Amino acid sequence: MFKRILIANRGEIAVRITRACRELDIETIAVYSEADRESLHVKYADYAYPIGPAPSKQSYLNIDRIIEVAKKSRAEAIHPGYGFLAENASFATRCMAEGIVFIGPTPEVIDQMGDKVKAREIMKAAGVPVVPGSEGILTSEAEVVKTAEAIGYPCMLKAVAGGGGKGLRLVRSRREISSAYRAVGSEAASSFGDPRLYVEKYIERPRHIEIQILADKYGRVLHLYDRECSIQRRHQKVIEESPAPGLEDRTRRRIGRIAIQGARAVRYVGAGTLEFLLDQEQNFYFLEMNTRLQVEHAVTERVVGIDLVKAQIEVAAGGYLPWRQRHITQTGHAIECRIYAEDPENDFMPCPGKIEGLRLPEGLGLRNDCGVYEGAEVPIYYDPMIAKLITWGENRVEAILRMRRALREYQIRGIKTNISFHQWILRHPRFMSGDVNTGFIDQEYRSTSKDEIFPHKEIALASAAIAALHGEQENTLGLLAKGAAEQSKWRERGKRNALRLVPSFIPRGWRRS
């Protein structure tokens, strides 16, 4: 087993990996940018080294600097977490060249699965169902038009090196192709340095289902069942759960077997995830493979009872997986809410700043994967996710009710978060019934402006200003008092709504009972 591991990441995932290492009696090395000098993951690790300025390219994506720190600190292995360098084949290759173990699959597998066209070809050859689409890379707008008309509209233009919701455009007719073609190429070039793209048939009202894979170096490959990841905004997941609600048993068994076939086809080692689209008839199609730990790995851990980070480390150290497929079962139901520093009422804009107050929910069946503390600064330079809240129940209803209670207790002051947005989702009849798809938020959510929340505020202030202008001091005080009373009344109403876990914004087409 390793004695010292460098964690090439930040935030809550760096803290989560550090905890697993401590339970394995492994020392940890944190790396940090200038913006993260006082971050929780820095304080929590055994050792910490600066790696550069705040921008990611100069710090967390700086391969030379990270390798330099790994050698200086005598780290035997590097855990990349997710994001940043986790799916960078060049980084994995460099680690191997320097005699440092990369905790993840081989560079060849990362490269194959990072190329979406190549991944489709490999999975198709392995008998994994894939979405109908182009046979290879498309190099011109004319080729895109020809392919789109052959498979039929609507279709998706996708970047070959895409990921994280970037490099995607939905096209419903020929007249939309030109703008989508330019947009995908430009976004892919700037985000991934690779403008190549391909086309896939768009599945109407699909669900996003994931299968967790775990494999060792000796040929044992296991699936750890399914996750529902359909609640998304801008192709970024917001809420995940396991098991996926409404997934038929025969579909669950088949998709698990198919995922193992896909993992074996590339000789996968470590923890990974195969993602599928599920249509209304429970037909599923391969979407992509993530060759790393997923953000939502905690819900799988909770229902199968396996620590995925520890398993990753033990496999990377040459260990065997001690389980067989028949040993893996799902117990109960788990839900995860991603806590973002963002404003749902302002198009989910990031809201960096200082956390002036923080109270985490507690109690039976709760898990907090948190990357901040009271007094910490949320920087503008990175993804705005600051924590994950996970609840478990004996069934889905109990897990949802427990999450509602936990979100009600969750208090963060100083910055805006999406906690009330989660409360709305968990109250929505469609979510409660399991009737979800990847378009759920776009279909159901509409934020309400502050003017609609406090309709009497402007009237009260304007009346007070007019009265003051005429020197009616006594009347002014009365109007101000009336205005204050109106605001107090609306605040009290807001508090009562909060106690019912109803947020201040109401989506279109949804009524309170």
Protein backbone atom coordinates (compact mmCIF):
# COMPACT_ATOMS: atom_id res chain seq x y z
CA MET A 1 0.00 0.00 0.00
CA PHE A 2 1.08 3.58 -0.62
CA LYS A 3 2.51 5.67 2.19
CA ARG A 4 1.92 9.09 0.64
CA ILE A 5 -0.52 10.32 -2.04
CA LEU A 6 -0.72 13.70 -3.74
CA ILE A 7 -4.27 14.91 -4.46
CA ALA A 8 -4.25 16.91 -7.70
CA ASN A 9 -7.53 18.66 -7.06
CA ARG A 10 -9.33 21.10 -4.76
CA GLY A 11 -12.58 21.65 -2.86
CA GLU A 12 -14.90 18.97 -1.56
CA ILE A 13 -13.45 16.11 -3.64
CA ALA A 14 -9.95 16.80 -2.30
CA VAL A 15 -11.33 16.68 1.26
CA ARG A 16 -13.25 13.48 0.49
CA ILE A 17 -10.12 11.75 -0.89
CA THR A 18 -8.08 12.91 2.10
CA ARG A 19 -10.58 11.29 4.46
CA ALA A 20 -10.32 7.95 2.64
CA CYS A 21 -6.52 8.14 2.76
CA ARG A 22 -6.55 8.75 6.51
CA GLU A 23 -8.68 5.66 7.01
CA LEU A 24 -6.04 3.72 5.07
CA ASP A 25 -3.27 5.35 7.16
CA ILE A 26 -1.86 7.14 4.09
CA GLU A 27 -0.34 10.63 4.32
CA THR A 28 -1.79 13.24 1.96
CA ILE A 29 -0.28 16.12 0.03
CA ALA A 30 -2.55 18.97 -1.05
CA VAL A 31 -1.76 21.42 -3.81
CA TYR A 32 -3.30 24.86 -4.01
CA SER A 33 -3.45 28.00 -6.11
CA GLU A 34 -3.05 31.50 -4.69
CA ALA A 35 -6.86 31.79 -4.53
CA ASP A 36 -7.09 28.59 -2.44
CA ARG A 37 -4.40 29.34 0.14
CA GLU A 38 -6.95 29.26 3.00
CA SER A 39 -9.18 26.52 1.55
CA LEU A 40 -10.45 23.58 3.61
CA HIS A 41 -8.63 20.95 1.56
CA VAL A 42 -5.34 22.74 2.29
CA LYS A 43 -5.98 22.85 6.02
CA TYR A 44 -7.15 19.23 6.13
CA ALA A 45 -4.18 17.58 4.37
CA ASP A 46 -0.94 16.50 6.07
CA TYR A 47 1.19 18.65 3.75
CA ALA A 48 0.34 21.43 1.30
CA TYR A 49 2.27 23.05 -1.56
CA PRO A 50 1.49 26.13 -3.69
CA ILE A 51 1.39 25.46 -7.44
CA GLY A 52 0.70 28.84 -9.03
CA PRO A 53 -1.69 31.76 -9.60
CA ALA A 54 -5.47 31.48 -9.41
CA PRO A 55 -6.27 30.67 -13.09
CA SER A 56 -6.54 26.88 -13.58
CA LYS A 57 -4.13 26.79 -16.51
CA GLN A 58 -1.41 28.22 -14.29
CA SER A 59 -2.12 25.98 -11.29
CA TYR A 60 -4.41 22.93 -11.26
CA LEU A 61 -3.78 22.24 -14.95
CA ASN A 62 -0.04 22.88 -14.70
CA ILE A 63 1.32 19.36 -15.18
CA ASP A 64 4.98 20.31 -14.79
CA ARG A 65 4.38 22.02 -11.46
CA ILE A 66 2.25 19.19 -10.05
CA ILE A 67 4.82 16.57 -11.01
CA GLU A 68 7.54 18.74 -9.48
CA VAL A 69 5.63 18.89 -6.18
CA ALA A 70 4.94 15.14 -6.27
CA LYS A 71 8.64 14.38 -6.59
CA LYS A 72 9.65 16.98 -4.02
CA SER A 73 7.15 15.62 -1.48
CA ARG A 74 8.05 11.99 -2.28
CA ALA A 75 4.48 11.08 -3.24
CA GLU A 76 4.18 7.53 -4.52
CA ALA A 77 0.85 8.12 -6.29
CA ILE A 78 -1.41 10.90 -7.52
CA HIS A 79 -5.19 10.89 -7.21
CA PRO A 80 -6.71 13.31 -9.75
CA GLY A 81 -10.27 13.39 -8.34
CA TYR A 82 -12.62 14.65 -11.06
CA GLY A 83 -12.31 17.58 -13.43
CA PHE A 84 -9.00 19.31 -14.13
CA LEU A 85 -6.49 16.54 -15.05
CA ALA A 86 -8.60 13.49 -14.15
CA GLU A 87 -9.23 12.54 -17.81
CA ASN A 88 -6.00 13.87 -19.26
CA ALA A 89 -4.10 11.04 -20.95
CA SER A 90 -0.93 13.16 -21.19
CA PHE A 91 -0.93 13.66 -17.43
CA ALA A 92 -1.33 9.91 -16.79
CA THR A 93 1.51 9.22 -19.24
CA ARG A 94 3.75 11.76 -17.53
CA CYS A 95 3.07 10.20 -14.12
CA MET A 96 4.10 6.80 -15.43
CA ALA A 97 7.27 8.24 -17.00
CA GLU A 98 8.22 9.81 -13.65
CA GLY A 99 7.62 6.58 -11.72
CA ILE A 100 4.48 7.89 -10.00
CA VAL A 101 1.31 5.80 -9.92
CA PHE A 102 -1.68 7.48 -11.54
CA ILE A 103 -4.80 6.38 -9.63
CA GLY A 104 -7.04 5.70 -12.59
CA PRO A 105 -7.09 3.73 -15.85
CA THR A 106 -4.23 3.58 -18.35
CA PRO A 107 -3.48 6.54 -20.64
CA GLU A 108 -4.62 4.46 -23.62
CA VAL A 109 -8.08 3.92 -22.13
CA ILE A 110 -8.40 7.59 -21.16
CA ASP A 111 -7.48 8.56 -24.72
CA GLN A 112 -9.92 6.09 -26.30
CA MET A 113 -12.88 7.07 -24.15
CA GLY A 114 -12.06 10.78 -24.32
CA ASP A 115 -12.57 10.67 -28.08
CA LYS A 116 -16.36 10.35 -28.34
CA VAL A 117 -16.28 9.02 -31.91
CA LYS A 118 -13.68 6.38 -31.06
CA ALA A 119 -15.61 5.45 -27.90
CA ARG A 120 -18.80 4.91 -29.95
CA GLU A 121 -16.95 2.65 -32.36
CA ILE A 122 -15.42 0.54 -29.57
CA MET A 123 -18.71 0.17 -27.70
CA LYS A 124 -20.63 -0.68 -30.86
CA ALA A 125 -18.09 -3.41 -31.67
CA ALA A 126 -18.49 -4.73 -28.10
CA GLY A 127 -22.27 -5.11 -28.53
CA VAL A 128 -23.20 -2.01 -26.54
CA PRO A 129 -26.21 -0.17 -28.07
CA VAL A 130 -25.29 3.29 -29.35
CA VAL A 131 -27.41 6.24 -30.46
CA PRO A 132 -27.78 6.38 -34.28
CA GLY A 133 -25.40 8.97 -35.70
CA SER A 134 -22.44 9.75 -37.93
CA GLU A 135 -19.96 6.96 -38.50
CA GLY A 136 -17.02 9.23 -37.89
CA ILE A 137 -15.82 12.81 -37.58
CA LEU A 138 -17.55 15.40 -39.74
CA THR A 139 -15.25 18.01 -41.27
CA SER A 140 -17.66 20.39 -42.96
CA GLU A 141 -21.09 21.94 -42.60
CA ALA A 142 -22.21 20.10 -45.75
CA GLU A 143 -21.36 16.75 -44.13
CA VAL A 144 -23.31 17.73 -41.04
CA VAL A 145 -26.36 18.60 -43.17
CA LYS A 146 -26.12 15.32 -45.09
CA THR A 147 -25.84 13.23 -41.90
CA ALA A 148 -28.59 15.11 -40.06
CA GLU A 149 -31.03 14.63 -42.92
CA ALA A 150 -30.12 10.95 -43.16
CA ILE A 151 -30.80 10.17 -39.49
CA GLY A 152 -33.62 12.73 -39.17
CA TYR A 153 -34.25 15.76 -37.00
CA PRO A 154 -33.93 16.58 -34.17
CA CYS A 155 -30.25 15.74 -33.73
CA MET A 156 -27.32 16.76 -31.56
CA LEU A 157 -24.06 18.29 -32.74
CA LYS A 158 -21.36 17.14 -30.33
CA ALA A 159 -17.70 17.91 -29.83
CA VAL A 160 -15.45 14.86 -30.15
CA ALA A 161 -13.55 15.87 -27.00
CA GLY A 162 -16.63 17.28 -25.24
CA GLY A 163 -17.66 16.87 -21.64
CA GLY A 164 -19.27 18.69 -18.73
CA GLY A 165 -22.12 19.94 -20.91
CA LYS A 166 -19.81 21.86 -23.26
CA GLY A 167 -19.66 21.46 -27.03
CA LEU A 168 -23.32 20.45 -27.47
CA ARG A 169 -26.10 21.94 -29.59
CA LEU A 170 -29.60 20.66 -30.29
CA VAL A 171 -30.68 21.12 -33.93
CA ARG A 172 -34.36 20.75 -34.85
CA SER A 173 -34.22 21.84 -38.48
CA ARG A 174 -31.80 22.49 -41.32
CA ARG A 175 -31.85 26.26 -40.83
CA GLU A 176 -30.33 25.84 -37.34
CA ILE A 177 -27.28 23.90 -38.53
CA SER A 178 -25.07 26.81 -39.62
CA SER A 179 -25.15 28.62 -36.28
CA ALA A 180 -24.89 25.37 -34.30
CA TYR A 181 -21.94 24.19 -36.40
CA ARG A 182 -20.02 27.41 -35.75
CA ALA A 183 -20.94 27.47 -32.05
CA VAL A 184 -19.91 23.86 -31.34
CA GLY A 185 -16.63 24.21 -33.25
CA SER A 186 -15.75 27.45 -31.48
CA GLU A 187 -16.67 26.20 -28.01
CA ALA A 188 -14.86 22.90 -28.52
CA ALA A 189 -11.71 24.67 -29.74
CA SER A 190 -11.65 27.06 -26.78
CA SER A 191 -12.62 24.50 -24.10
CA PHE A 192 -10.79 21.38 -25.31
CA GLY A 193 -8.38 22.58 -27.98
CA ASP A 194 -10.15 20.27 -30.45
CA PRO A 195 -12.82 21.65 -32.83
CA ARG A 196 -13.84 18.27 -34.31
CA LEU A 197 -17.48 17.23 -34.04
CA TYR A 198 -19.98 14.52 -34.92
CA VAL A 199 -23.77 14.13 -35.04
CA GLU A 200 -26.13 11.90 -33.05
CA LYS A 201 -29.88 11.41 -33.22
CA TYR A 202 -31.62 13.32 -30.45
CA ILE A 203 -33.67 11.08 -28.15
CA GLU A 204 -36.87 12.89 -27.14
CA ARG A 205 -37.51 13.17 -23.38
CA PRO A 206 -34.60 10.86 -22.44
CA ARG A 207 -33.51 9.87 -18.98
CA HIS A 208 -29.82 9.93 -18.07
CA ILE A 209 -28.82 6.64 -16.44
CA GLU A 210 -25.32 5.78 -15.23
CA ILE A 211 -23.75 2.45 -14.34
CA GLN A 212 -20.84 2.46 -11.90
CA ILE A 213 -17.99 0.13 -12.85
CA LEU A 214 -15.16 -1.19 -10.67
CA ALA A 215 -12.35 -3.34 -12.11
CA ASP A 216 -8.97 -4.62 -10.97
CA LYS A 217 -5.78 -5.52 -12.85
CA TYR A 218 -6.57 -9.21 -12.79
CA GLY A 219 -9.66 -9.24 -15.00
CA ARG A 220 -12.42 -8.91 -12.41
CA VAL A 221 -15.04 -6.37 -13.50
CA LEU A 222 -18.10 -5.52 -11.40
CA HIS A 223 -21.02 -3.16 -11.87
CA LEU A 224 -22.33 -1.36 -8.81
CA TYR A 225 -25.77 -0.78 -10.31
CA ASP A 226 -27.45 2.34 -11.56
CA ARG A 227 -27.88 6.05 -10.83
CA GLU A 228 -30.56 8.45 -12.05
CA CYS A 229 -28.95 11.70 -13.25
CA SER A 230 -31.73 13.30 -15.29
CA ILE A 231 -32.18 16.47 -13.21
CA GLN A 232 -29.83 18.77 -15.10
CA ARG A 233 -29.45 22.41 -16.05
CA ARG A 234 -27.29 23.30 -19.05
CA HIS A 235 -26.34 19.61 -19.31
CA GLN A 236 -24.88 19.79 -15.79
CA LYS A 237 -26.33 17.44 -13.17
CA VAL A 238 -28.02 18.95 -10.13
CA ILE A 239 -29.64 16.01 -8.30
CA GLU A 240 -28.71 12.33 -8.54
CA GLU A 241 -30.19 9.24 -6.93
CA SER A 242 -29.76 5.49 -6.72
CA PRO A 243 -31.50 3.24 -7.62
CA ALA A 244 -33.03 4.93 -10.68
CA PRO A 245 -36.80 5.17 -10.02
CA GLY A 246 -39.06 3.23 -12.36
CA LEU A 247 -36.26 1.26 -14.00
CA GLU A 248 -37.61 -2.20 -14.74
CA ASP A 249 -35.73 -5.09 -13.13
CA ARG A 250 -34.98 -6.74 -16.47
CA THR A 251 -33.63 -3.43 -17.82
CA ARG A 252 -31.51 -2.96 -14.68
CA ARG A 253 -29.99 -6.42 -15.05
CA ARG A 254 -29.37 -6.02 -18.78
CA ILE A 255 -27.82 -2.55 -18.60
CA GLY A 256 -25.48 -3.79 -15.86
CA ARG A 257 -24.32 -6.71 -18.01
CA ILE A 258 -23.87 -4.42 -21.02
CA ALA A 259 -21.79 -1.98 -18.95
CA ILE A 260 -19.46 -4.81 -17.93
CA GLN A 261 -19.10 -5.78 -21.61
CA GLY A 262 -18.09 -2.22 -22.42
CA ALA A 263 -15.55 -2.05 -19.60
CA ARG A 264 -14.02 -5.38 -20.62
CA ALA A 265 -13.75 -4.20 -24.23
CA VAL A 266 -11.21 -1.55 -23.21
CA ARG A 267 -9.56 -3.62 -20.42
CA TYR A 268 -10.66 -1.07 -17.87
CA VAL A 269 -8.97 -0.81 -14.46
CA GLY A 270 -10.24 1.26 -11.53
CA ALA A 271 -13.51 3.09 -10.97
CA GLY A 272 -15.39 4.36 -14.02
CA THR A 273 -18.88 5.12 -15.24
CA LEU A 274 -20.77 4.23 -18.39
CA GLU A 275 -23.53 6.73 -19.17
CA PHE A 276 -26.66 5.84 -21.11
CA LEU A 277 -29.75 7.56 -22.47
CA LEU A 278 -33.00 5.73 -21.68
CA ASP A 279 -36.06 6.33 -23.86
CA GLN A 280 -39.74 6.04 -22.96
CA GLU A 281 -39.81 2.33 -23.89
CA GLN A 282 -36.80 1.56 -21.64
CA ASN A 283 -34.45 1.17 -24.57
CA PHE A 284 -30.98 2.41 -23.63
CA TYR A 285 -28.10 3.79 -25.69
CA PHE A 286 -24.44 4.39 -24.81
CA LEU A 287 -23.67 8.07 -24.31
CA GLU A 288 -20.08 8.17 -23.02
CA MET A 289 -17.68 6.66 -20.50
CA ASN A 290 -16.14 8.73 -17.74
CA THR A 291 -12.73 7.30 -16.86
CA ARG A 292 -12.66 8.72 -13.34
CA LEU A 293 -14.59 9.08 -10.13
CA GLN A 294 -17.95 10.80 -10.63
CA VAL A 295 -19.25 13.73 -8.58
CA GLU A 296 -22.27 11.58 -7.70
CA HIS A 297 -20.31 8.52 -6.56
CA ALA A 298 -21.61 8.98 -2.99
CA VAL A 299 -25.14 7.77 -3.76
CA THR A 300 -23.73 4.50 -5.11
CA GLU A 301 -21.49 4.13 -2.06
CA ARG A 302 -24.49 4.60 0.21
CA VAL A 303 -26.69 1.92 -1.36
CA VAL A 304 -24.03 -0.73 -2.07
CA GLY A 305 -21.80 -0.16 0.98
CA ILE A 306 -18.49 0.12 -0.89
CA ASP A 307 -16.03 3.02 -0.50
CA LEU A 308 -15.09 3.78 -4.11
CA VAL A 309 -12.11 5.96 -3.29
CA LYS A 310 -10.56 3.29 -1.08
CA ALA A 311 -11.25 0.72 -3.82
CA GLN A 312 -9.53 2.97 -6.38
CA ILE A 313 -6.45 3.29 -4.20
CA GLU A 314 -6.26 -0.43 -3.39
CA VAL A 315 -6.62 -1.40 -7.06
CA ALA A 316 -3.94 1.12 -8.07
CA ALA A 317 -1.64 -0.39 -5.43
CA GLY A 318 -2.07 -3.80 -7.08
CA GLY A 319 -4.80 -5.23 -4.91
CA TYR A 320 -7.62 -7.61 -5.86
CA LEU A 321 -11.29 -6.70 -5.66
CA PRO A 322 -12.62 -8.86 -2.81
CA TRP A 323 -16.20 -9.07 -4.13
CA ARG A 324 -18.02 -11.04 -6.79
CA GLN A 325 -21.02 -9.70 -8.67
CA ARG A 326 -23.46 -11.75 -6.59
CA HIS A 327 -22.17 -9.99 -3.45
CA ILE A 328 -23.20 -6.55 -4.77
CA THR A 329 -26.74 -5.54 -3.81
CA GLN A 330 -28.61 -2.27 -3.45
CA THR A 331 -30.02 -1.47 -0.02
CA GLY A 332 -32.46 1.40 0.41
CA HIS A 333 -32.41 4.61 -1.60
CA ALA A 334 -29.95 7.54 -1.69
CA ILE A 335 -30.28 11.07 -3.09
CA GLU A 336 -27.61 13.72 -3.63
CA CYS A 337 -28.11 17.47 -4.00
CA ARG A 338 -25.20 19.50 -5.36
CA ILE A 339 -24.89 22.75 -3.43
CA TYR A 340 -23.75 25.53 -5.75
CA ALA A 341 -22.78 29.12 -4.97
CA GLU A 342 -25.12 30.48 -7.62
CA ASP A 343 -28.34 32.48 -8.03
CA PRO A 344 -31.21 30.44 -9.52
CA GLU A 345 -33.26 33.62 -9.88
CA ASN A 346 -30.56 35.17 -12.08
CA ASP A 347 -30.03 32.43 -14.68
CA PHE A 348 -27.90 30.42 -12.22
CA MET A 349 -25.10 32.98 -12.26
CA PRO A 350 -22.13 32.05 -10.00
CA CYS A 351 -22.06 33.96 -6.71
CA PRO A 352 -18.54 33.98 -5.28
CA GLY A 353 -17.82 35.68 -1.98
CA LYS A 354 -17.19 35.13 1.71
CA ILE A 355 -19.25 32.60 3.67
CA GLU A 356 -20.26 34.62 6.73
CA GLY A 357 -22.25 31.86 8.36
CA LEU A 358 -22.52 28.09 7.84
CA ARG A 359 -24.67 25.49 9.55
CA LEU A 360 -24.68 21.99 8.12
CA PRO A 361 -27.68 19.70 8.64
CA GLU A 362 -27.24 16.71 10.92
CA GLY A 363 -29.06 13.55 11.88
CA LEU A 364 -29.64 9.95 10.88
CA GLY A 365 -29.05 9.06 7.24
CA LEU A 366 -27.17 12.25 6.29
CA ARG A 367 -23.77 12.73 4.69
CA ASN A 368 -22.10 16.09 4.08
CA ASP A 369 -19.30 16.23 1.51
CA CYS A 370 -18.32 19.85 2.07
CA GLY A 371 -15.38 21.84 0.74
CA VAL A 372 -15.90 25.10 2.66
CA TYR A 373 -16.17 26.42 6.21
CA GLU A 374 -17.53 29.51 7.95
CA GLY A 375 -15.31 32.41 6.98
CA ALA A 376 -14.02 30.75 3.80
CA GLU A 377 -13.91 32.63 0.52
CA VAL A 378 -15.57 31.09 -2.55
CA PRO A 379 -13.33 32.16 -5.47
CA ILE A 380 -14.63 33.17 -8.88
CA TYR A 381 -12.05 31.15 -10.80
CA TYR A 382 -13.48 27.63 -10.42
CA ASP A 383 -16.69 25.62 -10.60
CA PRO A 384 -19.21 27.08 -8.11
CA MET A 385 -20.06 23.73 -6.48
CA ILE A 386 -19.10 24.03 -2.80
CA ALA A 387 -20.66 20.92 -1.27
CA LYS A 388 -22.82 17.85 -1.75
CA LEU A 389 -25.61 16.73 0.57
CA ILE A 390 -26.55 13.05 0.53
CA THR A 391 -29.47 11.40 2.30
CA TRP A 392 -30.39 7.73 2.62
CA GLY A 393 -33.72 6.11 3.39
CA GLU A 394 -35.18 2.64 3.40
CA ASN A 395 -37.13 3.70 0.32
CA ARG A 396 -37.28 6.66 -2.08
CA VAL A 397 -40.03 8.49 -0.18
CA GLU A 398 -38.07 8.40 3.07
CA ALA A 399 -34.90 9.60 1.29
CA ILE A 400 -36.82 12.55 -0.24
CA LEU A 401 -38.47 13.53 3.04
CA ARG A 402 -35.12 13.32 4.82
CA MET A 403 -33.54 15.52 2.14
CA ARG A 404 -36.33 18.08 2.53
CA ARG A 405 -35.72 18.22 6.26
CA ALA A 406 -31.95 18.48 5.77
CA LEU A 407 -32.24 21.31 3.23
CA ARG A 408 -34.48 23.17 5.65
CA GLU A 409 -31.69 23.00 8.26
CA TYR A 410 -28.94 23.93 5.78
CA GLN A 411 -27.91 27.55 6.37
CA ILE A 412 -25.31 29.49 4.37
CA ARG A 413 -25.01 33.26 4.88
CA GLY A 414 -22.98 35.74 2.84
CA ILE A 415 -23.47 34.19 -0.61
CA LYS A 416 -26.42 33.01 -2.65
CA THR A 417 -26.90 29.27 -3.13
CA ASN A 418 -29.30 26.94 -4.91
CA ILE A 419 -30.70 25.40 -1.70
CA SER A 420 -34.19 26.84 -2.24
CA PHE A 421 -34.06 25.60 -5.83
CA HIS A 422 -33.49 22.07 -4.54
CA GLN A 423 -36.45 22.51 -2.21
CA TRP A 424 -38.65 23.37 -5.18
CA ILE A 425 -37.51 20.28 -7.11
CA LEU A 426 -38.08 17.96 -4.15
CA ARG A 427 -41.65 19.32 -3.79
CA HIS A 428 -42.54 19.03 -7.45
CA PRO A 429 -45.21 16.38 -8.22
CA ARG A 430 -43.31 15.11 -11.26
CA PHE A 431 -40.12 14.57 -9.28
CA MET A 432 -42.04 12.91 -6.47
CA SER A 433 -43.61 10.46 -8.93
CA GLY A 434 -40.29 9.77 -10.68
CA ASP A 435 -41.57 11.27 -13.95
CA VAL A 436 -38.31 13.00 -14.90
CA ASN A 437 -36.15 13.45 -17.96
CA THR A 438 -33.16 15.59 -18.89
CA GLY A 439 -35.45 18.47 -19.87
CA PHE A 440 -37.24 18.63 -16.51
CA ILE A 441 -35.78 21.95 -15.35
CA ASP A 442 -36.23 23.64 -18.73
CA GLN A 443 -39.82 22.40 -18.89
CA GLU A 444 -40.89 23.26 -15.36
CA TYR A 445 -38.77 26.00 -13.86
CA ARG A 446 -39.43 29.71 -14.08
CA SER A 447 -37.84 32.05 -11.56
CA THR A 448 -39.85 34.87 -10.00
CA SER A 449 -38.42 38.35 -9.78
CA LYS A 450 -38.01 40.11 -6.45
CA ASP A 451 -40.65 42.64 -7.57
CA GLU A 452 -43.17 39.81 -7.65
CA ILE A 453 -42.06 38.62 -4.22
CA PHE A 454 -42.29 42.06 -2.59
CA PRO A 455 -44.93 43.91 -4.70
CA HIS A 456 -45.66 46.60 -2.06
CA LYS A 457 -42.07 47.64 -1.37
CA GLU A 458 -41.76 50.18 -4.17
CA ILE A 459 -45.22 51.61 -3.47
CA ALA A 460 -44.42 52.16 0.20
CA LEU A 461 -41.07 53.81 -0.54
CA ALA A 462 -42.53 56.06 -3.27
CA SER A 463 -45.38 57.16 -0.99
CA ALA A 464 -42.93 58.00 1.79
CA ALA A 465 -40.76 60.03 -0.59
CA ILE A 466 -43.76 62.08 -1.83
CA ALA A 467 -44.92 62.79 1.69
CA ALA A 468 -41.42 63.89 2.74
CA LEU A 469 -41.20 66.19 -0.25
CA HIS A 470 -44.31 68.04 0.98
CA GLY A 471 -42.92 68.32 4.48
CA GLU A 472 -45.57 66.09 5.97
CA GLN A 473 -43.26 64.66 8.57
CA GLU A 474 -45.94 63.03 10.67
CA ASN A 475 -47.59 61.47 7.65
CA THR A 476 -44.19 60.35 6.39
CA LEU A 477 -43.51 58.41 9.55
CA GLY A 478 -46.90 56.78 9.25
CA LEU A 479 -46.29 55.80 5.63
CA LEU A 480 -42.83 54.47 6.44
CA ALA A 481 -44.35 52.43 9.24
CA LYS A 482 -46.97 51.16 6.82
CA GLY A 483 -44.26 50.30 4.29
CA ALA A 484 -42.27 48.51 6.98
CA ALA A 485 -45.40 46.65 8.04
CA GLU A 486 -46.02 45.58 4.43
CA GLN A 487 -42.45 44.32 4.09
CA SER A 488 -42.70 42.57 7.46
CA LYS A 489 -45.92 40.91 6.33
CA TRP A 490 -44.24 39.62 3.17
CA ARG A 491 -41.21 38.48 5.13
CA GLU A 492 -43.45 36.52 7.50
CA ARG A 493 -45.24 35.02 4.54
CA GLY A 494 -41.87 34.05 3.07
CA LYS A 495 -40.88 32.45 6.37
CA ARG A 496 -44.11 30.46 6.46
CA ASN A 497 -43.45 29.32 2.90
CA ALA A 498 -39.91 28.34 3.85
CA LEU A 499 -41.27 26.29 6.73
CA ARG A 500 -43.43 24.47 4.20
CA LEU A 501 -40.28 24.09 2.10
CA VAL A 502 -41.85 26.15 -0.69
CA PRO A 503 -39.28 28.53 -2.23
CA SER A 504 -39.96 32.13 -3.17
CA PHE A 505 -40.14 31.31 -6.86
CA ILE A 506 -42.95 29.26 -8.38
CA PRO A 507 -42.47 27.46 -11.72
CA ARG A 508 -44.91 27.78 -14.54
CA GLY A 509 -47.57 25.11 -14.60
CA TRP A 510 -47.11 24.22 -10.91
CA ARG A 511 -49.53 25.10 -8.14
CA ARG A 512 -49.31 24.87 -4.42
CA SER A 513 -52.03 22.78 -2.87
